[in-house]
Amino acid sequence: MTMRTMGAVLIALALMGGAAEPPRDTSECKADEVPVPDERDGANSLCLSKSEWERAKEICEKLEPGSDPLECTCQDGDQVGACGD
């Protein structure tokens, strides 16, 4: 199981089937950003703009209703954004 999948499973369990909300973290993201787990090191987070988070939610909802928006984010080095469309 990849770190992304394992992280997504843990977040999904934490949400316990509720509406998908951004992961909560104590990172140093700005008010208009959402912290997401860094694939390189699960102990750290990267900041994703709220607009990209919303885009990831929309993409995942189209691909599989009720799925975790983290599954529709992609990381390239220290950059993270929505993907999957």
Protein backbone atom coordinates (compact mmCIF):
# COMPACT_ATOMS: atom_id res chain seq x y z
CA MET A 1 0.00 0.00 0.00
CA THR A 2 1.47 3.38 -0.99
CA MET A 3 1.89 6.18 1.52
CA ARG A 4 -0.76 8.23 -0.32
CA THR A 5 -3.26 5.37 -0.16
CA MET A 6 -2.49 4.66 3.47
CA GLY A 7 -2.82 8.35 4.33
CA ALA A 8 -6.08 8.58 2.42
CA VAL A 9 -7.44 5.54 4.25
CA LEU A 10 -6.52 7.04 7.61
CA ILE A 11 -8.16 10.34 6.73
CA ALA A 12 -11.24 8.55 5.41
CA LEU A 13 -11.50 6.63 8.66
CA ALA A 14 -11.13 9.86 10.60
CA LEU A 15 -13.96 11.41 8.62
CA MET A 16 -16.06 8.28 9.33
CA GLY A 17 -18.13 8.58 6.22
CA GLY A 18 -19.05 12.23 6.73
CA ALA A 19 -18.81 14.91 4.08
CA ALA A 20 -15.28 15.25 2.78
CA GLU A 21 -13.49 18.05 4.52
CA PRO A 22 -9.88 19.14 4.22
CA PRO A 23 -7.44 17.27 6.43
CA ARG A 24 -6.73 19.08 9.67
CA ASP A 25 -3.14 19.85 10.50
CA THR A 26 -1.03 22.31 12.44
CA SER A 27 1.11 23.20 9.42
CA GLU A 28 1.97 26.72 8.45
CA CYS A 29 -0.49 26.98 5.58
CA LYS A 30 -2.19 30.31 4.92
CA ALA A 31 -5.90 30.85 5.62
CA ASP A 32 -6.72 30.19 1.94
CA GLU A 33 -4.74 26.92 1.82
CA VAL A 34 -5.36 23.34 2.93
CA PRO A 35 -2.59 21.14 4.39
CA VAL A 36 -2.16 17.78 2.64
CA PRO A 37 0.28 14.99 3.55
CA ASP A 38 3.67 15.20 1.82
CA GLU A 39 4.19 11.90 -0.05
CA ARG A 40 7.93 12.10 0.58
CA ASP A 41 7.51 12.23 4.35
CA GLY A 42 4.13 11.49 5.92
CA ALA A 43 5.12 13.54 8.98
CA ASN A 44 5.10 16.77 6.94
CA SER A 45 2.45 18.60 4.94
CA LEU A 46 2.31 20.69 1.81
CA CYS A 47 -0.13 23.54 1.28
CA LEU A 48 -2.83 23.21 -1.39
CA SER A 49 -4.92 26.23 -2.33
CA LYS A 50 -8.56 25.95 -1.31
CA SER A 51 -9.56 26.40 -4.96
CA GLU A 52 -7.41 23.36 -5.92
CA TRP A 53 -8.92 21.41 -2.99
CA GLU A 54 -12.41 22.23 -4.28
CA ARG A 55 -11.33 21.17 -7.79
CA ALA A 56 -9.99 17.88 -6.40
CA LYS A 57 -13.32 17.29 -4.61
CA GLU A 58 -15.25 17.91 -7.84
CA ILE A 59 -12.99 15.59 -9.86
CA CYS A 60 -13.24 12.78 -7.30
CA GLU A 61 -16.99 13.17 -7.01
CA LYS A 62 -17.31 12.77 -10.80
CA LEU A 63 -14.99 9.74 -10.85
CA GLU A 64 -16.41 8.02 -7.77
CA PRO A 65 -19.11 9.68 -5.67
CA GLY A 66 -18.18 9.87 -2.00
CA SER A 67 -14.47 9.26 -2.61
CA ASP A 68 -11.67 10.99 -0.73
CA PRO A 69 -10.47 14.20 -2.45
CA LEU A 70 -6.89 13.33 -1.47
CA GLU A 71 -7.07 10.58 -4.10
CA CYS A 72 -7.44 13.35 -6.70
CA THR A 73 -4.37 15.33 -5.69
CA CYS A 74 -0.97 14.90 -7.30
CA GLN A 75 2.42 15.88 -5.96
CA ASP A 76 5.47 16.86 -7.99
CA GLY A 77 8.37 17.53 -5.65
CA ASP A 78 7.20 20.21 -3.25
CA GLN A 79 4.19 21.20 -5.39
CA VAL A 80 0.72 19.71 -4.98
CA GLY A 81 -2.47 20.24 -6.99
CA ALA A 82 -5.67 18.64 -8.20
CA CYS A 83 -5.39 15.87 -10.79
CA GLY A 84 -7.48 13.09 -12.23
CA ASP A 85 -9.66 14.78 -14.82
